[in-house]
Amino acid sequence: MNRFGAAIFGCEGLALSVEEKRFFAEASPLGFILFARNIDTSDQVRALTSDLRDSVGWNAPVFIDQEGGRVQRLRAPLATEWLAPLDDVARFGARAAQAMRLRYHIIGRELCAHGINGNCAPMLDVARVGTHKFLRNRCYGSDLKTVIEIGRAVTQGHQDAGVFPVMKHIPGHGLAQLDSHLDLPRIDLDRAELDAVDFAAFAPFADLPFGMTAHLVFEKIDPQPATVSEKMINLIRRDMGFDGFLMTDDISMEALSGTVAERSAASIAAGCDAVLHCNGKLAEMVAIMDRVGQMTDTAQTRAEAALATRQDPVDVDIAALHAEFEALIP
């Protein structure tokens, strides 16, 4: 297998430009991520995912954020519309785990039908009263037991569909009262309190193939944001036991300081395996690759191990999945 560039990239529009194709061929990123700007029709999305893979010459993963609710890039008629995750968990009550497994199995099938084989979920952040609204109803619950139970169901749904799950936002974003797309949240809790809830939500998922960092500061541990903090990455690896492939959250989010190239270099130096860059700006992607280059040997090994975990989809009709889901509605 070729050595990957230490990045996962977006693209600008509905089809690849000649310049993008040339850049991706040279950069050889691990994979790609799509956003609403990249989505029009089913045929167009399938053509785009095919062209992305052709640009690097292999069946590279194509990721998306398809949580349901506000964060859902594929919309009707291309895909099913869903309630926010927290709302569905509340609606189904004791049947929530079963319903969420079915929900994400359906989501995974719809993604695969468009050439997308990775989804940035489960989201294992524990909701609080003060959790910023950009995040709160995307959570699965406000207590550790519920988040772990639903997280397992969401993971299983993805695996049943043959889609890579990406757990986020490790080591925990639920305490954030600011939107990290715009500002840097700071958490001033003791390590023991964090270990008991926020960090504890991720430890049971240490065997997942992919994880995504959180852009926030845990002030009692390190003044640097977790994505660029060697201490925090070591905590994720050593204390949570996660040895899967660790990507950053979108490196262009304004929680981080410096240029995107500087942020990218800092995240790799801290121990992240790859930079996730989402806005599709070619000049920024070029600058990132100039700084981060190819993956380290360790990151390459993790990437290959993560890619090898993809399961064949369970043989079931998607209409039957919908019927089973709807039968659970109270």
C-alpha atoms as a PDB file:
ATOM      1  CA  MET A   1       0.000   0.000   0.000  1.00  0.00           C
ATOM      2  CA  ASN A   2       1.287   3.478  -0.877  1.00  0.00           C
ATOM      3  CA  ARG A   3       2.380   5.870   1.858  1.00  0.00           C
ATOM      4  CA  PHE A   4      -0.480   8.277   2.584  1.00  0.00           C
ATOM      5  CA  GLY A   5      -0.284  12.000   2.977  1.00  0.00           C
ATOM      6  CA  ALA A   6      -1.129  12.935   6.590  1.00  0.00           C
ATOM      7  CA  ALA A   7      -4.443  14.533   5.706  1.00  0.00           C
ATOM      8  CA  ILE A   8      -8.111  14.053   4.884  1.00  0.00           C
ATOM      9  CA  PHE A   9      -9.380  16.743   2.533  1.00  0.00           C
ATOM     10  CA  GLY A  10     -12.594  18.290   1.289  1.00  0.00           C
ATOM     11  CA  CYS A  11     -13.113  19.642  -2.209  1.00  0.00           C
ATOM     12  CA  GLU A  12     -14.607  22.905  -3.406  1.00  0.00           C
ATOM     13  CA  GLY A  13     -17.689  22.044  -5.428  1.00  0.00           C
ATOM     14  CA  LEU A  14     -19.871  19.488  -7.154  1.00  0.00           C
ATOM     15  CA  ALA A  15     -17.089  18.163  -9.383  1.00  0.00           C
ATOM     16  CA  LEU A  16     -13.314  18.092  -9.175  1.00  0.00           C
ATOM     17  CA  SER A  17     -11.299  20.701 -11.018  1.00  0.00           C
ATOM     18  CA  VAL A  18      -8.215  19.769 -13.000  1.00  0.00           C
ATOM     19  CA  GLU A  19      -6.118  21.453 -10.303  1.00  0.00           C
ATOM     20  CA  GLU A  20      -7.775  19.453  -7.524  1.00  0.00           C
ATOM     21  CA  LYS A  21      -7.238  16.178  -9.357  1.00  0.00           C
ATOM     22  CA  ARG A  22      -3.580  17.000  -9.856  1.00  0.00           C
ATOM     23  CA  PHE A  23      -3.111  18.029  -6.227  1.00  0.00           C
ATOM     24  CA  PHE A  24      -4.827  14.951  -4.769  1.00  0.00           C
ATOM     25  CA  ALA A  25      -2.751  12.683  -7.023  1.00  0.00           C
ATOM     26  CA  GLU A  26       0.438  14.266  -5.683  1.00  0.00           C
ATOM     27  CA  ALA A  27      -0.644  14.611  -2.037  1.00  0.00           C
ATOM     28  CA  SER A  28      -2.167  11.098  -1.768  1.00  0.00           C
ATOM     29  CA  PRO A  29      -4.340  11.932   1.273  1.00  0.00           C
ATOM     30  CA  LEU A  30      -5.766   9.082   3.330  1.00  0.00           C
ATOM     31  CA  GLY A  31      -9.265  10.068   2.271  1.00  0.00           C
ATOM     32  CA  PHE A  32     -11.840  12.765   1.682  1.00  0.00           C
ATOM     33  CA  ILE A  33     -14.840  14.398   3.333  1.00  0.00           C
ATOM     34  CA  LEU A  34     -17.982  15.810   1.728  1.00  0.00           C
ATOM     35  CA  PHE A  35     -20.208  18.725   2.727  1.00  0.00           C
ATOM     36  CA  ALA A  36     -23.504  20.176   1.497  1.00  0.00           C
ATOM     37  CA  ARG A  37     -21.664  22.269  -1.099  1.00  0.00           C
ATOM     38  CA  ASN A  38     -20.571  18.997  -2.738  1.00  0.00           C
ATOM     39  CA  ILE A  39     -24.054  17.494  -2.973  1.00  0.00           C
ATOM     40  CA  ASP A  40     -26.746  17.992  -5.610  1.00  0.00           C
ATOM     41  CA  THR A  41     -28.100  14.801  -7.156  1.00  0.00           C
ATOM     42  CA  SER A  42     -27.471  11.113  -6.474  1.00  0.00           C
ATOM     43  CA  ASP A  43     -25.724  10.629  -9.808  1.00  0.00           C
ATOM     44  CA  GLN A  44     -23.562  13.687  -9.191  1.00  0.00           C
ATOM     45  CA  VAL A  45     -22.477  12.475  -5.710  1.00  0.00           C
ATOM     46  CA  ARG A  46     -21.639   9.027  -7.046  1.00  0.00           C
ATOM     47  CA  ALA A  47     -19.595  10.584  -9.852  1.00  0.00           C
ATOM     48  CA  LEU A  48     -17.764  12.838  -7.393  1.00  0.00           C
ATOM     49  CA  THR A  49     -16.874  10.036  -4.977  1.00  0.00           C
ATOM     50  CA  SER A  50     -15.672   7.949  -7.927  1.00  0.00           C
ATOM     51  CA  ASP A  51     -13.517  10.812  -9.209  1.00  0.00           C
ATOM     52  CA  LEU A  52     -12.049  11.419  -5.751  1.00  0.00           C
ATOM     53  CA  ARG A  53     -10.956   7.792  -5.569  1.00  0.00           C
ATOM     54  CA  ASP A  54      -9.661   7.861  -9.126  1.00  0.00           C
ATOM     55  CA  SER A  55      -7.517  10.870  -8.259  1.00  0.00           C
ATOM     56  CA  VAL A  56      -5.538   8.831  -5.707  1.00  0.00           C
ATOM     57  CA  GLY A  57      -5.760   5.529  -7.557  1.00  0.00           C
ATOM     58  CA  TRP A  58      -7.366   3.334  -4.895  1.00  0.00           C
ATOM     59  CA  ASN A  59     -10.590   2.807  -2.945  1.00  0.00           C
ATOM     60  CA  ALA A  60      -9.947   5.618  -0.463  1.00  0.00           C
ATOM     61  CA  PRO A  61     -12.483   6.278   2.293  1.00  0.00           C
ATOM     62  CA  VAL A  62     -14.928   9.119   1.722  1.00  0.00           C
ATOM     63  CA  PHE A  63     -16.319  10.514   4.981  1.00  0.00           C
ATOM     64  CA  ILE A  64     -19.276  12.746   5.794  1.00  0.00           C
ATOM     65  CA  ASP A  65     -21.126  14.162   8.813  1.00  0.00           C
ATOM     66  CA  GLN A  66     -24.493  12.424   8.629  1.00  0.00           C
ATOM     67  CA  GLU A  67     -25.673  12.534  12.227  1.00  0.00           C
ATOM     68  CA  GLY A  68     -29.293  13.466  11.498  1.00  0.00           C
ATOM     69  CA  GLY A  69     -31.025  16.623  12.613  1.00  0.00           C
ATOM     70  CA  ARG A  70     -29.086  19.833  11.937  1.00  0.00           C
ATOM     71  CA  VAL A  71     -25.899  17.991  11.005  1.00  0.00           C
ATOM     72  CA  GLN A  72     -26.939  16.048   7.949  1.00  0.00           C
ATOM     73  CA  ARG A  73     -25.266  16.677   4.597  1.00  0.00           C
ATOM     74  CA  LEU A  74     -27.402  14.326   2.477  1.00  0.00           C
ATOM     75  CA  ARG A  75     -31.000  15.540   2.564  1.00  0.00           C
ATOM     76  CA  ALA A  76     -34.289  14.369   1.072  1.00  0.00           C
ATOM     77  CA  PRO A  77     -34.853  13.148  -1.578  1.00  0.00           C
ATOM     78  CA  LEU A  78     -31.330  11.697  -1.518  1.00  0.00           C
ATOM     79  CA  ALA A  79     -31.629  10.414   2.058  1.00  0.00           C
ATOM     80  CA  THR A  80     -33.987  10.084   4.995  1.00  0.00           C
ATOM     81  CA  GLU A  81     -34.567  13.158   7.171  1.00  0.00           C
ATOM     82  CA  TRP A  82     -34.073  12.528  10.892  1.00  0.00           C
ATOM     83  CA  LEU A  83     -34.748  14.195  14.205  1.00  0.00           C
ATOM     84  CA  ALA A  84     -31.758  15.411  16.191  1.00  0.00           C
ATOM     85  CA  PRO A  85     -30.137  12.421  17.956  1.00  0.00           C
ATOM     86  CA  LEU A  86     -30.994  13.636  21.474  1.00  0.00           C
ATOM     87  CA  ASP A  87     -34.647  14.032  20.459  1.00  0.00           C
ATOM     88  CA  ASP A  88     -34.838  10.508  19.025  1.00  0.00           C
ATOM     89  CA  VAL A  89     -33.233   8.991  22.127  1.00  0.00           C
ATOM     90  CA  ALA A  90     -35.831  10.751  24.269  1.00  0.00           C
ATOM     91  CA  ARG A  91     -38.670   9.747  21.952  1.00  0.00           C
ATOM     92  CA  PHE A  92     -37.855   6.033  22.023  1.00  0.00           C
ATOM     93  CA  GLY A  93     -37.082   5.780  25.737  1.00  0.00           C
ATOM     94  CA  ALA A  94     -36.322   2.171  26.697  1.00  0.00           C
ATOM     95  CA  ARG A  95     -36.183   1.215  23.004  1.00  0.00           C
ATOM     96  CA  ALA A  96     -33.686   3.926  22.107  1.00  0.00           C
ATOM     97  CA  ALA A  97     -30.667   1.667  21.615  1.00  0.00           C
ATOM     98  CA  GLN A  98     -32.555  -0.614  19.233  1.00  0.00           C
ATOM     99  CA  ALA A  99     -33.971   2.362  17.339  1.00  0.00           C
ATOM    100  CA  MET A 100     -30.625   4.122  17.031  1.00  0.00           C
ATOM    101  CA  ARG A 101     -28.926   0.968  15.739  1.00  0.00           C
ATOM    102  CA  LEU A 102     -31.570   0.770  13.008  1.00  0.00           C
ATOM    103  CA  ARG A 103     -31.384   4.498  12.318  1.00  0.00           C
ATOM    104  CA  TYR A 104     -27.643   4.420  11.683  1.00  0.00           C
ATOM    105  CA  HIS A 105     -27.872   1.186   9.713  1.00  0.00           C
ATOM    106  CA  ILE A 106     -30.272   3.011   7.389  1.00  0.00           C
ATOM    107  CA  ILE A 107     -27.994   6.062   7.301  1.00  0.00           C
ATOM    108  CA  GLY A 108     -25.035   3.840   6.458  1.00  0.00           C
ATOM    109  CA  ARG A 109     -26.912   2.121   3.633  1.00  0.00           C
ATOM    110  CA  GLU A 110     -27.909   5.471   2.154  1.00  0.00           C
ATOM    111  CA  LEU A 111     -24.316   6.689   2.348  1.00  0.00           C
ATOM    112  CA  CYS A 112     -22.950   3.574   0.665  1.00  0.00           C
ATOM    113  CA  ALA A 113     -25.472   3.987  -2.154  1.00  0.00           C
ATOM    114  CA  HIS A 114     -23.756   7.302  -2.915  1.00  0.00           C
ATOM    115  CA  GLY A 115     -20.179   6.015  -2.676  1.00  0.00           C
ATOM    116  CA  ILE A 116     -19.621   7.290   0.881  1.00  0.00           C
ATOM    117  CA  ASN A 117     -18.182   4.736   3.306  1.00  0.00           C
ATOM    118  CA  GLY A 118     -17.270   6.652   6.456  1.00  0.00           C
ATOM    119  CA  ASN A 119     -19.455   8.642   8.864  1.00  0.00           C
ATOM    120  CA  CYS A 120     -18.276  10.960  11.632  1.00  0.00           C
ATOM    121  CA  ALA A 121     -20.257   9.267  14.411  1.00  0.00           C
ATOM    122  CA  PRO A 122     -20.778   8.072  17.124  1.00  0.00           C
ATOM    123  CA  MET A 123     -20.607  11.397  18.946  1.00  0.00           C
ATOM    124  CA  LEU A 124     -19.795  10.465  22.545  1.00  0.00           C
ATOM    125  CA  ASP A 125     -19.904  13.905  24.143  1.00  0.00           C
ATOM    126  CA  VAL A 126     -22.049  13.935  27.296  1.00  0.00           C
ATOM    127  CA  ALA A 127     -24.705  16.672  27.207  1.00  0.00           C
ATOM    128  CA  ARG A 128     -24.968  19.182  30.057  1.00  0.00           C
ATOM    129  CA  VAL A 129     -27.427  21.964  30.829  1.00  0.00           C
ATOM    130  CA  GLY A 130     -24.803  24.469  29.681  1.00  0.00           C
ATOM    131  CA  THR A 131     -23.595  22.595  26.596  1.00  0.00           C
ATOM    132  CA  HIS A 132     -23.499  25.041  23.692  1.00  0.00           C
ATOM    133  CA  LYS A 133     -26.484  24.754  21.355  1.00  0.00           C
ATOM    134  CA  PHE A 134     -24.219  23.911  18.393  1.00  0.00           C
ATOM    135  CA  LEU A 135     -23.564  20.582  20.110  1.00  0.00           C
ATOM    136  CA  ARG A 136     -26.231  19.788  22.682  1.00  0.00           C
ATOM    137  CA  ASN A 137     -29.011  18.107  20.712  1.00  0.00           C
ATOM    138  CA  ARG A 138     -26.435  16.215  18.682  1.00  0.00           C
ATOM    139  CA  CYS A 139     -25.517  14.297  21.861  1.00  0.00           C
ATOM    140  CA  TYR A 140     -27.068  10.959  22.845  1.00  0.00           C
ATOM    141  CA  GLY A 141     -27.728  11.707  26.502  1.00  0.00           C
ATOM    142  CA  SER A 142     -26.807  13.619  29.640  1.00  0.00           C
ATOM    143  CA  ASP A 143     -25.541  10.646  31.636  1.00  0.00           C
ATOM    144  CA  LEU A 144     -22.616   8.326  31.030  1.00  0.00           C
ATOM    145  CA  LYS A 145     -24.617   5.084  30.904  1.00  0.00           C
ATOM    146  CA  THR A 146     -26.959   6.357  28.187  1.00  0.00           C
ATOM    147  CA  VAL A 147     -24.172   7.806  26.053  1.00  0.00           C
ATOM    148  CA  ILE A 148     -22.225   4.532  26.134  1.00  0.00           C
ATOM    149  CA  GLU A 149     -25.316   2.414  25.417  1.00  0.00           C
ATOM    150  CA  ILE A 150     -26.442   4.563  22.488  1.00  0.00           C
ATOM    151  CA  GLY A 151     -22.864   4.955  21.257  1.00  0.00           C
ATOM    152  CA  ARG A 152     -22.542   1.186  21.004  1.00  0.00           C
ATOM    153  CA  ALA A 153     -25.825   0.971  19.092  1.00  0.00           C
ATOM    154  CA  VAL A 154     -24.765   3.725  16.681  1.00  0.00           C
ATOM    155  CA  THR A 155     -21.428   1.991  16.121  1.00  0.00           C
ATOM    156  CA  GLN A 156     -23.137  -1.321  15.409  1.00  0.00           C
ATOM    157  CA  GLY A 157     -25.501   0.311  12.940  1.00  0.00           C
ATOM    158  CA  HIS A 158     -22.583   1.691  10.963  1.00  0.00           C
ATOM    159  CA  GLN A 159     -20.735  -1.620  11.001  1.00  0.00           C
ATOM    160  CA  ASP A 160     -23.871  -3.498   9.882  1.00  0.00           C
ATOM    161  CA  ALA A 161     -23.996  -1.156   6.887  1.00  0.00           C
ATOM    162  CA  GLY A 162     -20.307  -1.595   6.030  1.00  0.00           C
ATOM    163  CA  VAL A 163     -19.444   2.007   6.972  1.00  0.00           C
ATOM    164  CA  PHE A 164     -16.445   3.170   9.003  1.00  0.00           C
ATOM    165  CA  PRO A 165     -17.546   4.819  12.274  1.00  0.00           C
ATOM    166  CA  VAL A 166     -15.490   7.795  13.487  1.00  0.00           C
ATOM    167  CA  MET A 167     -15.944   8.515  17.202  1.00  0.00           C
ATOM    168  CA  LYS A 168     -15.871  12.142  18.231  1.00  0.00           C
ATOM    169  CA  HIS A 169     -14.987  14.494  19.869  1.00  0.00           C
ATOM    170  CA  ILE A 170     -12.318  12.730  21.875  1.00  0.00           C
ATOM    171  CA  PRO A 171     -11.567  13.300  24.803  1.00  0.00           C
ATOM    172  CA  GLY A 172     -14.976  15.006  25.274  1.00  0.00           C
ATOM    173  CA  HIS A 173     -16.715  18.203  24.138  1.00  0.00           C
ATOM    174  CA  GLY A 174     -19.881  18.134  26.249  1.00  0.00           C
ATOM    175  CA  LEU A 175     -18.711  20.698  28.815  1.00  0.00           C
ATOM    176  CA  ALA A 176     -18.021  23.325  26.157  1.00  0.00           C
ATOM    177  CA  GLN A 177     -20.157  26.453  26.446  1.00  0.00           C
ATOM    178  CA  LEU A 178     -18.666  28.058  23.338  1.00  0.00           C
ATOM    179  CA  ASP A 179     -18.891  27.014  19.685  1.00  0.00           C
ATOM    180  CA  SER A 180     -15.415  25.779  18.716  1.00  0.00           C
ATOM    181  CA  HIS A 181     -16.114  26.715  15.098  1.00  0.00           C
ATOM    182  CA  LEU A 182     -15.785  30.315  16.300  1.00  0.00           C
ATOM    183  CA  ASP A 183     -14.119  30.351  19.744  1.00  0.00           C
ATOM    184  CA  LEU A 184     -11.866  28.244  21.974  1.00  0.00           C
ATOM    185  CA  PRO A 185     -13.816  26.600  24.830  1.00  0.00           C
ATOM    186  CA  ARG A 186     -11.977  26.226  28.151  1.00  0.00           C
ATOM    187  CA  ILE A 187     -12.852  23.575  30.714  1.00  0.00           C
ATOM    188  CA  ASP A 188     -11.798  24.198  34.329  1.00  0.00           C
ATOM    189  CA  LEU A 189     -12.525  20.856  35.974  1.00  0.00           C
ATOM    190  CA  ASP A 190     -10.226  18.573  37.929  1.00  0.00           C
ATOM    191  CA  ARG A 191      -8.907  15.476  36.235  1.00  0.00           C
ATOM    192  CA  ALA A 192     -10.882  13.193  38.565  1.00  0.00           C
ATOM    193  CA  GLU A 193     -14.177  14.777  37.516  1.00  0.00           C
ATOM    194  CA  LEU A 194     -13.253  14.503  33.849  1.00  0.00           C
ATOM    195  CA  ASP A 195     -12.224  10.872  34.256  1.00  0.00           C
ATOM    196  CA  ALA A 196     -15.553  10.068  35.899  1.00  0.00           C
ATOM    197  CA  VAL A 197     -17.767  11.284  33.040  1.00  0.00           C
ATOM    198  CA  ASP A 198     -16.395  12.946  29.911  1.00  0.00           C
ATOM    199  CA  PHE A 199     -13.252  10.877  29.457  1.00  0.00           C
ATOM    200  CA  ALA A 200     -15.059   7.736  30.626  1.00  0.00           C
ATOM    201  CA  ALA A 201     -17.468   7.932  27.699  1.00  0.00           C
ATOM    202  CA  PHE A 202     -14.668   7.189  25.234  1.00  0.00           C
ATOM    203  CA  ALA A 203     -12.734   4.445  27.012  1.00  0.00           C
ATOM    204  CA  PRO A 204     -15.239   1.659  26.095  1.00  0.00           C
ATOM    205  CA  PHE A 205     -14.743   2.545  22.409  1.00  0.00           C
ATOM    206  CA  ALA A 206     -10.965   2.245  22.362  1.00  0.00           C
ATOM    207  CA  ASP A 207     -11.198  -0.491  19.724  1.00  0.00           C
ATOM    208  CA  LEU A 208     -12.908   1.704  17.132  1.00  0.00           C
ATOM    209  CA  PRO A 209     -10.880   2.234  13.954  1.00  0.00           C
ATOM    210  CA  PHE A 210     -11.115   6.042  13.740  1.00  0.00           C
ATOM    211  CA  GLY A 211     -11.331   8.878  16.240  1.00  0.00           C
ATOM    212  CA  MET A 212     -11.597  12.673  15.938  1.00  0.00           C
ATOM    213  CA  THR A 213     -10.137  15.168  18.393  1.00  0.00           C
ATOM    214  CA  ALA A 214     -11.835  18.058  20.185  1.00  0.00           C
ATOM    215  CA  HIS A 215     -10.718  21.681  19.862  1.00  0.00           C
ATOM    216  CA  LEU A 216     -10.914  22.776  23.493  1.00  0.00           C
ATOM    217  CA  VAL A 217      -8.636  23.374  26.483  1.00  0.00           C
ATOM    218  CA  PHE A 218      -8.682  21.303  29.668  1.00  0.00           C
ATOM    219  CA  GLU A 219      -6.999  23.910  31.844  1.00  0.00           C
ATOM    220  CA  LYS A 220      -6.075  21.621  34.748  1.00  0.00           C
ATOM    221  CA  ILE A 221      -4.132  19.359  32.339  1.00  0.00           C
ATOM    222  CA  ASP A 222      -2.611  21.564  29.628  1.00  0.00           C
ATOM    223  CA  PRO A 223      -3.142  25.166  28.439  1.00  0.00           C
ATOM    224  CA  GLN A 224      -2.947  23.998  24.810  1.00  0.00           C
ATOM    225  CA  PRO A 225      -6.086  22.882  22.924  1.00  0.00           C
ATOM    226  CA  ALA A 226      -6.399  19.097  22.937  1.00  0.00           C
ATOM    227  CA  THR A 227      -5.843  18.790  19.173  1.00  0.00           C
ATOM    228  CA  VAL A 228      -2.374  20.344  19.443  1.00  0.00           C
ATOM    229  CA  SER A 229      -1.512  19.126  22.952  1.00  0.00           C
ATOM    230  CA  GLU A 230       0.973  16.294  23.321  1.00  0.00           C
ATOM    231  CA  LYS A 231      -0.263  15.785  26.894  1.00  0.00           C
ATOM    232  CA  MET A 232      -3.856  15.372  25.745  1.00  0.00           C
ATOM    233  CA  ILE A 233      -2.959  13.061  22.866  1.00  0.00           C
ATOM    234  CA  ASN A 234      -0.903  10.955  25.273  1.00  0.00           C
ATOM    235  CA  LEU A 235      -3.918  10.847  27.603  1.00  0.00           C
ATOM    236  CA  ILE A 236      -6.078   9.613  24.716  1.00  0.00           C
ATOM    237  CA  ARG A 237      -3.530   6.954  23.806  1.00  0.00           C
ATOM    238  CA  ARG A 238      -2.387   5.846  27.252  1.00  0.00           C
ATOM    239  CA  ASP A 239      -5.294   6.433  29.631  1.00  0.00           C
ATOM    240  CA  MET A 240      -8.203   5.857  27.246  1.00  0.00           C
ATOM    241  CA  GLY A 241      -6.358   3.094  25.426  1.00  0.00           C
ATOM    242  CA  PHE A 242      -7.189   4.346  21.938  1.00  0.00           C
ATOM    243  CA  ASP A 243      -4.618   3.126  19.435  1.00  0.00           C
ATOM    244  CA  GLY A 244      -6.793   3.636  16.367  1.00  0.00           C
ATOM    245  CA  PHE A 245      -6.340   6.270  13.701  1.00  0.00           C
ATOM    246  CA  LEU A 246      -6.683   9.756  15.187  1.00  0.00           C
ATOM    247  CA  MET A 247      -7.673  12.661  12.944  1.00  0.00           C
ATOM    248  CA  THR A 248      -8.126  16.258  14.019  1.00  0.00           C
ATOM    249  CA  ASP A 249     -11.465  17.966  14.018  1.00  0.00           C
ATOM    250  CA  ASP A 250     -11.627  20.430  11.131  1.00  0.00           C
ATOM    251  CA  ILE A 251      -8.308  22.256  11.325  1.00  0.00           C
ATOM    252  CA  SER A 252      -9.821  25.431   9.837  1.00  0.00           C
ATOM    253  CA  MET A 253     -12.152  25.986  12.818  1.00  0.00           C
ATOM    254  CA  GLU A 254     -11.453  29.242  14.621  1.00  0.00           C
ATOM    255  CA  ALA A 255     -10.897  27.647  18.040  1.00  0.00           C
ATOM    256  CA  LEU A 256      -7.267  27.198  16.999  1.00  0.00           C
ATOM    257  CA  SER A 257      -4.766  29.997  16.496  1.00  0.00           C
ATOM    258  CA  GLY A 258      -2.165  30.442  13.764  1.00  0.00           C
ATOM    259  CA  THR A 259      -2.451  29.649  10.067  1.00  0.00           C
ATOM    260  CA  VAL A 260      -4.025  26.377   9.000  1.00  0.00           C
ATOM    261  CA  ALA A 261      -0.555  25.149   8.035  1.00  0.00           C
ATOM    262  CA  GLU A 262       0.810  26.014  11.500  1.00  0.00           C
ATOM    263  CA  ARG A 263      -2.147  24.360  13.215  1.00  0.00           C
ATOM    264  CA  SER A 264      -1.683  21.278  11.065  1.00  0.00           C
ATOM    265  CA  ALA A 265       2.007  20.960  11.863  1.00  0.00           C
ATOM    266  CA  ALA A 266       1.278  21.406  15.575  1.00  0.00           C
ATOM    267  CA  SER A 267      -1.383  18.674  15.559  1.00  0.00           C
ATOM    268  CA  ILE A 268       0.925  16.168  13.893  1.00  0.00           C
ATOM    269  CA  ALA A 269       3.744  17.095  16.282  1.00  0.00           C
ATOM    270  CA  ALA A 270       1.359  16.516  19.203  1.00  0.00           C
ATOM    271  CA  GLY A 271       0.609  12.991  18.006  1.00  0.00           C
ATOM    272  CA  CYS A 272      -2.422  13.176  15.716  1.00  0.00           C
ATOM    273  CA  ASP A 273      -2.139  10.831  12.743  1.00  0.00           C
ATOM    274  CA  ALA A 274      -3.712  13.129  10.159  1.00  0.00           C
ATOM    275  CA  VAL A 275      -5.173  16.584   9.655  1.00  0.00           C
ATOM    276  CA  LEU A 276      -8.833  16.940   8.695  1.00  0.00           C
ATOM    277  CA  HIS A 277      -9.309  19.997   6.470  1.00  0.00           C
ATOM    278  CA  CYS A 278     -12.865  20.613   5.356  1.00  0.00           C
ATOM    279  CA  ASN A 279     -13.387  23.916   3.541  1.00  0.00           C
ATOM    280  CA  GLY A 280     -12.058  22.788   0.160  1.00  0.00           C
ATOM    281  CA  LYS A 281      -9.727  25.764  -0.342  1.00  0.00           C
ATOM    282  CA  LEU A 282      -6.937  24.468  -2.526  1.00  0.00           C
ATOM    283  CA  ALA A 283      -4.348  27.038  -1.443  1.00  0.00           C
ATOM    284  CA  GLU A 284      -4.797  26.009   2.194  1.00  0.00           C
ATOM    285  CA  MET A 285      -4.520  22.319   1.319  1.00  0.00           C
ATOM    286  CA  VAL A 286      -1.289  22.950  -0.561  1.00  0.00           C
ATOM    287  CA  ALA A 287       0.113  24.850   2.433  1.00  0.00           C
ATOM    288  CA  ILE A 288      -0.903  22.026   4.784  1.00  0.00           C
ATOM    289  CA  MET A 289       0.818  19.364   2.712  1.00  0.00           C
ATOM    290  CA  ASP A 290       3.947  21.474   2.539  1.00  0.00           C
ATOM    291  CA  ARG A 291       4.082  21.325   6.344  1.00  0.00           C
ATOM    292  CA  VAL A 292       2.864  17.816   7.204  1.00  0.00           C
ATOM    293  CA  GLY A 293       3.893  15.683   4.235  1.00  0.00           C
ATOM    294  CA  GLN A 294       3.523  11.929   4.436  1.00  0.00           C
ATOM    295  CA  MET A 295       2.327  10.003   7.462  1.00  0.00           C
ATOM    296  CA  THR A 296       4.762   8.727  10.045  1.00  0.00           C
ATOM    297  CA  ASP A 297       5.412   4.991  10.090  1.00  0.00           C
ATOM    298  CA  THR A 298       3.173   4.651  13.162  1.00  0.00           C
ATOM    299  CA  ALA A 299       0.334   6.623  11.571  1.00  0.00           C
ATOM    300  CA  GLN A 300       0.596   4.597   8.367  1.00  0.00           C
ATOM    301  CA  THR A 301       0.347   1.371  10.370  1.00  0.00           C
ATOM    302  CA  ARG A 302      -2.724   2.692  12.189  1.00  0.00           C
ATOM    303  CA  ALA A 303      -4.286   3.796   8.902  1.00  0.00           C
ATOM    304  CA  GLU A 304      -3.828   0.388   7.322  1.00  0.00           C
ATOM    305  CA  ALA A 305      -5.225  -1.335  10.428  1.00  0.00           C
ATOM    306  CA  ALA A 306      -8.248   0.992  10.491  1.00  0.00           C
ATOM    307  CA  LEU A 307      -9.013   0.440   6.816  1.00  0.00           C
ATOM    308  CA  ALA A 308      -8.860  -3.331   7.332  1.00  0.00           C
ATOM    309  CA  THR A 309     -11.739  -3.220   9.852  1.00  0.00           C
ATOM    310  CA  ARG A 310     -14.489  -2.492   7.338  1.00  0.00           C
ATOM    311  CA  GLN A 311     -17.152  -5.203   7.470  1.00  0.00           C
ATOM    312  CA  ASP A 312     -19.321  -6.449   4.637  1.00  0.00           C
ATOM    313  CA  PRO A 313     -22.844  -5.047   4.998  1.00  0.00           C
ATOM    314  CA  VAL A 314     -25.518  -7.223   6.548  1.00  0.00           C
ATOM    315  CA  ASP A 315     -27.835  -8.613   3.851  1.00  0.00           C
ATOM    316  CA  VAL A 316     -31.130  -6.869   4.588  1.00  0.00           C
ATOM    317  CA  ASP A 317     -33.611  -4.760   2.637  1.00  0.00           C
ATOM    318  CA  ILE A 318     -33.573  -1.065   3.536  1.00  0.00           C
ATOM    319  CA  ALA A 319     -37.386  -0.945   3.420  1.00  0.00           C
ATOM    320  CA  ALA A 320     -37.438  -3.657   6.077  1.00  0.00           C
ATOM    321  CA  LEU A 321     -35.112  -1.573   8.236  1.00  0.00           C
ATOM    322  CA  HIS A 322     -37.428   1.419   7.935  1.00  0.00           C
ATOM    323  CA  ALA A 323     -40.421  -0.732   8.852  1.00  0.00           C
ATOM    324  CA  GLU A 324     -38.626  -2.130  11.886  1.00  0.00           C
ATOM    325  CA  PHE A 325     -37.645   1.394  12.976  1.00  0.00           C
ATOM    326  CA  GLU A 326     -41.154   2.780  12.557  1.00  0.00           C
ATOM    327  CA  ALA A 327     -42.629  -0.135  14.510  1.00  0.00           C
ATOM    328  CA  LEU A 328     -40.634   1.049  17.534  1.00  0.00           C
ATOM    329  CA  ILE A 329     -42.106   4.582  17.510  1.00  0.00           C
ATOM    330  CA  PRO A 330     -44.218   5.036  20.658  1.00  0.00           C
END
